[in-house]
Each structure stands twice: as structure tokens, then as C-alpha cells.
Protein backbone atom coordinates (compact mmCIF):
# COMPACT_ATOMS: atom_id res chain seq x y z
CA MET A 1 -1.43 2.92 -10.51
CA VAL A 2 1.09 0.28 -10.74
CA VAL A 3 0.73 -3.04 -12.67
CA GLU A 4 3.12 -5.87 -13.23
CA ASN A 5 4.70 -6.09 -16.68
CA THR A 6 2.58 -8.14 -19.13
CA LYS A 7 0.08 -9.34 -16.39
CA TRP A 8 -3.49 -8.02 -15.82
CA THR A 9 -5.31 -9.41 -12.70
CA ASP A 10 -8.78 -8.98 -11.30
CA ASP A 11 -7.29 -6.69 -8.63
CA ASP A 12 -5.86 -4.43 -11.33
CA LYS A 13 -9.34 -4.31 -12.84
CA MET A 14 -10.90 -3.46 -9.48
CA VAL A 15 -8.45 -0.60 -8.82
CA LEU A 16 -9.09 0.74 -12.46
CA GLU A 17 -12.80 0.69 -11.89
CA LYS A 18 -12.38 2.58 -8.64
CA LEU A 19 -9.99 5.25 -10.22
CA ALA A 20 -12.65 5.73 -13.04
CA ARG A 21 -14.98 7.24 -10.46
CA THR A 22 -12.49 10.09 -9.78
CA GLU A 23 -11.53 13.10 -11.79
CA ARG A 24 -7.87 12.99 -10.86
CA PRO A 25 -5.19 12.31 -13.49
CA VAL A 26 -3.89 8.81 -13.40
CA VAL A 27 -0.41 7.73 -14.49
CA LEU A 28 0.01 4.03 -15.13
CA LEU A 29 3.31 2.43 -14.15
CA VAL A 30 4.18 -0.90 -15.76
CA ASN A 31 6.81 -2.32 -13.33
CA LYS A 32 9.15 -5.38 -13.57
CA VAL A 33 9.66 -4.81 -17.36
CA ASP A 34 13.17 -6.26 -16.81
CA GLU A 35 11.58 -9.57 -16.17
CA VAL A 36 10.05 -9.58 -19.78
CA LYS A 37 12.37 -11.68 -21.79
CA ASP A 38 10.59 -11.33 -25.08
CA LYS A 39 10.35 -7.47 -25.34
CA SER A 40 8.14 -7.71 -28.47
CA LYS A 41 5.30 -8.79 -26.16
CA LEU A 42 5.51 -5.53 -24.14
CA LEU A 43 4.49 -3.08 -26.87
CA PRO A 44 1.10 -4.73 -27.64
CA HIS A 45 0.45 -5.01 -24.09
CA LEU A 46 1.09 -1.24 -23.51
CA GLN A 47 -1.25 -0.44 -26.38
CA TRP A 48 -3.98 -2.73 -24.81
CA LEU A 49 -3.49 -0.94 -21.41
CA SER A 50 -3.91 2.53 -23.14
CA ASP A 51 -7.25 1.26 -24.49
CA GLN A 52 -8.56 0.61 -21.02
CA ARG A 53 -8.73 4.20 -19.92
CA GLU A 54 -7.24 7.60 -20.88
CA PHE A 55 -4.26 7.66 -18.76
CA LYS A 56 -2.18 10.89 -18.42
CA ASP A 57 0.93 8.69 -19.01
CA ILE A 58 2.01 5.19 -19.28
CA LEU A 59 5.54 4.51 -18.16
CA PRO A 60 7.26 1.12 -18.24
CA ILE A 61 9.81 0.89 -15.34
CA SER A 62 11.89 -1.42 -13.21
CA ALA A 63 11.86 -0.42 -9.55
CA LYS A 64 14.47 -3.11 -8.96
CA ASN A 65 16.98 -1.93 -11.57
CA GLY A 66 15.93 1.82 -11.46
CA ASP A 67 14.97 1.89 -15.19
CA ASN A 68 13.12 4.98 -16.12
CA ILE A 69 12.76 6.21 -12.44
CA ASP A 70 14.29 9.61 -13.50
CA ALA A 71 11.44 9.72 -16.07
CA LEU A 72 9.00 8.94 -13.48
CA ARG A 73 10.05 11.83 -11.31
CA THR A 74 9.62 14.09 -14.44
CA VAL A 75 6.11 12.83 -15.04
CA VAL A 76 5.05 13.21 -11.44
CA LYS A 77 6.32 16.69 -11.27
CA ALA A 78 4.55 17.61 -14.51
CA HIS A 79 1.20 16.70 -12.97
CA LEU A 80 1.59 18.33 -9.56
CA GLN A 81 -0.48 21.41 -9.18
CA PRO A 82 0.98 24.47 -7.35
CA GLY A 83 -0.72 25.29 -4.10
CA PHE A 84 -0.42 27.11 -0.82
CA HIS A 85 1.82 25.81 2.08
CA PHE A 86 -0.79 24.52 4.62
CA TYR A 87 1.88 23.28 7.03
CA PRO A 88 5.33 24.55 8.19
CA GLN A 89 8.27 23.08 6.20
CA ASP A 90 9.56 20.91 9.00
CA TYR A 91 6.19 18.92 9.03
CA VAL A 92 6.88 15.39 7.99
CA THR A 93 3.21 14.41 7.77
CA ASP A 94 -0.38 15.60 8.68
CA ARG A 95 -1.39 12.26 9.63
CA SER A 96 -2.00 11.04 13.10
CA VAL A 97 0.40 8.64 14.87
CA ARG A 98 -2.23 5.95 14.78
CA PHE A 99 -2.42 6.28 10.99
CA MET A 100 1.41 6.19 10.65
CA THR A 101 1.50 3.11 12.99
CA ALA A 102 -1.00 1.27 10.78
CA GLU A 103 0.98 2.19 7.73
CA ILE A 104 4.13 0.81 9.31
CA ILE A 105 2.48 -2.40 9.99
CA ARG A 106 1.13 -2.61 6.46
CA GLU A 107 4.51 -1.80 4.96
CA LYS A 108 5.92 -4.94 6.67
CA LEU A 109 2.94 -6.90 5.73
CA MET A 110 3.56 -6.23 2.02
CA ARG A 111 7.14 -6.76 2.32
CA PHE A 112 7.09 -10.20 3.85
CA THR A 113 4.14 -11.35 1.79
CA GLY A 114 5.60 -10.10 -1.55
CA ASP A 115 3.38 -10.22 -4.63
CA GLU A 116 1.16 -13.03 -2.97
CA LEU A 117 -1.06 -10.53 -1.18
CA PRO A 118 -3.63 -8.39 -3.22
CA TYR A 119 -4.47 -4.79 -2.65
CA GLU A 120 -7.51 -5.53 -0.48
CA THR A 121 -5.42 -5.66 2.80
CA THR A 122 -5.28 -3.13 5.51
CA VAL A 123 -4.48 -2.54 9.16
CA GLU A 124 -6.84 -1.17 11.84
CA ILE A 125 -5.44 0.04 15.21
CA GLU A 126 -7.85 -1.20 17.79
CA GLN A 127 -5.96 -0.07 21.09
CA PHE A 128 -3.14 2.46 21.39
CA GLY A 129 -1.84 3.63 24.65
CA LYS A 130 1.06 4.28 27.01
CA SER A 131 1.67 2.61 30.32
CA GLU A 132 2.95 4.40 33.42
CA ARG A 133 6.36 2.73 32.79
CA GLY A 134 6.39 4.35 29.38
CA THR A 135 5.77 1.34 27.28
CA THR A 136 3.46 1.87 24.15
CA HIS A 137 0.86 -0.90 23.87
CA ILE A 138 -0.62 -1.36 20.52
CA HIS A 139 -3.34 -3.92 19.40
CA ALA A 140 -3.69 -4.02 15.54
CA LEU A 141 -6.12 -5.95 13.36
CA ILE A 142 -5.10 -6.99 9.87
CA LEU A 143 -8.09 -7.13 7.56
CA VAL A 144 -8.07 -9.40 4.63
CA GLU A 145 -10.72 -10.37 2.12
CA ARG A 146 -10.51 -14.23 2.04
CA PRO A 147 -9.57 -16.99 4.32
CA ALA A 148 -6.64 -18.12 2.05
CA GLN A 149 -5.17 -14.63 2.59
CA LYS A 150 -5.42 -15.05 6.28
CA ARG A 151 -3.35 -18.20 6.14
CA MET A 152 -0.94 -16.49 3.87
CA VAL A 153 -0.43 -13.75 6.45
CA ILE A 154 -0.12 -16.05 9.51
CA GLY A 155 2.34 -18.45 7.75
CA GLU A 156 3.21 -21.85 9.02
CA GLY A 157 2.85 -22.07 12.81
CA GLY A 158 2.39 -18.28 12.78
CA SER A 159 5.95 -17.61 11.61
CA LYS A 160 5.21 -15.02 9.01
CA LEU A 161 2.93 -12.97 11.28
CA LYS A 162 5.75 -13.06 13.97
CA THR A 163 8.32 -11.84 11.54
CA ILE A 164 5.92 -8.97 10.44
CA GLY A 165 5.23 -7.99 14.14
CA THR A 166 8.95 -8.12 14.96
CA GLU A 167 9.98 -5.91 12.21
CA ALA A 168 7.11 -3.47 12.66
CA ARG A 169 7.87 -3.15 16.24
CA ARG A 170 11.51 -2.04 15.48
CA ASP A 171 10.27 0.76 13.29
CA LEU A 172 7.62 1.72 15.71
CA GLU A 173 10.06 2.16 18.48
CA LYS A 174 11.95 4.43 16.50
CA LEU A 175 8.85 6.40 15.50
CA LEU A 176 7.39 6.74 19.07
CA SER A 177 10.84 6.83 20.91
CA SER A 178 9.57 4.18 23.47
CA LYS A 179 9.53 0.57 24.02
CA VAL A 180 6.50 -0.97 22.13
CA ASN A 181 4.49 -4.04 22.92
CA LEU A 182 2.73 -4.87 19.64
CA LYS A 183 0.01 -7.50 19.25
CA LEU A 184 -1.36 -8.55 15.81
CA TRP A 185 -4.49 -10.35 14.83
CA VAL A 186 -5.73 -11.30 11.40
CA LYS A 187 -9.41 -11.26 10.51
CA VAL A 188 -11.28 -11.97 7.37
CA LYS A 189 -13.80 -9.17 6.56
CA SER A 190 -15.21 -9.88 3.00
CA GLY A 191 -16.04 -6.69 1.11
CA TRP A 192 -14.48 -4.23 3.57
CA SER A 193 -12.67 -2.35 0.72
CA ASP A 194 -16.14 -1.44 -0.81
CA ASP A 195 -17.46 -0.27 2.53
CA GLU A 196 -17.51 3.48 2.50
CA ARG A 197 -17.98 3.65 6.35
CA ALA A 198 -14.97 1.28 6.84
CA LEU A 199 -12.84 3.22 4.48
CA LYS A 200 -13.48 6.42 6.39
CA SER A 201 -12.70 4.74 9.85
CA LEU A 202 -9.36 3.47 8.38
CA GLY A 203 -8.39 7.00 7.16
CA TYR A 204 -8.83 6.11 3.43
CA ARG A 205 -11.83 8.64 3.12
CA GLU A 206 -12.41 11.99 4.45
CA ASP A 207 -15.78 13.00 5.98
């Protein structure tokens, strides 16, 4: 779980509540500590965070500056459980192309909306097919929780959504080794992140 320096939001609380339902170990990363000018405020906040749940580790980091990233690798490795090789070594992922397509679009979505957009945002691939000429046609739906988030994703005159689409299309053409015709829509669907059936259809839950 990743939180931002001395901040604690409703979204952070929601994620923590969801994690509390699992039995898996949780490592808390406190990012952007480089932006905390008064370091004396950091330690009490870390103590407060540790009281919220029994985390396996709490690690202050700066992804921007690379602070404590080596320690993060060590912590992650310490909690990895040994297991069998279920796939050949040359397998990059066991996910479908549709899932990878959605993740590429979502990555661009997060990149170009920055910290403004909360966790409850995802991408649903509605259509995915290839024409006789070899062009891959993709229709993707961006799901958000509130109307304000929809306006944020679209941007003034559709400028932000256009940028997200352009950058995603470039990566998709590399992934699929074909020309891509990508169309994006944004839809408000309140409560989707708490809908088990919706989470399964989007690949976030297994049957």
C-alpha cells in the first residue's frame, strides 16, 4: 500500500479497509518524504500509521529521488514465498492481451491526471478486434466514481482524454505489432469498486 508523506485521505482509508479483509502481508510505503520540509512531523505520522493496522513493514521512500528504494527491494524479497514455476521463464505475463491493453490505458490515465485522480478508476475493454487490413480496433470505457472525475479525465475541450488516447495508442502498437485505432469513452459508475461482479469482469477478482 502506498500513501503520500504526511497525508491521509478517504481513499487511503478505503484501501486499508479492503486490505483488512485479506490475510496477506501488507507493506506500507510512505512516498514523497522528500517533500516534507519539517521532518519532525514525519515520525509522529509514521507512528500513527502503525497504529492503524499491523503492517509487516512501514517504509518511508521517495520514488522521485530513489531514497530507500534498495531497502524496498529487500523488504519485498523478504516477504516473497518460494513456489513452483507455473510458466516458462520466457513468459512475460499470464494475463490476456485485453487485460494488458486496459492496463496500458490505465497507466496513461494515471500519468496524465497525476495525483488528482483517486484509486477508484479503471478501464473496461468493450470491443477488441482486427480488421482484414491488419488494424486493431479497440473501444475502451474509462470508469470513474463521480462526475467531477469524468470532467478531470476529459479535460478542457477533450484535450486530456486526447493525450491519454494518443500516448496509449503508441504503446499498444508496440505491444500488438500492428496499427491501432483506439476510441475512449468516460462513464460515471458510482460504487463499481465495491461491486464484486464488476471486479471479476474487469480482472480484479478470480472466479
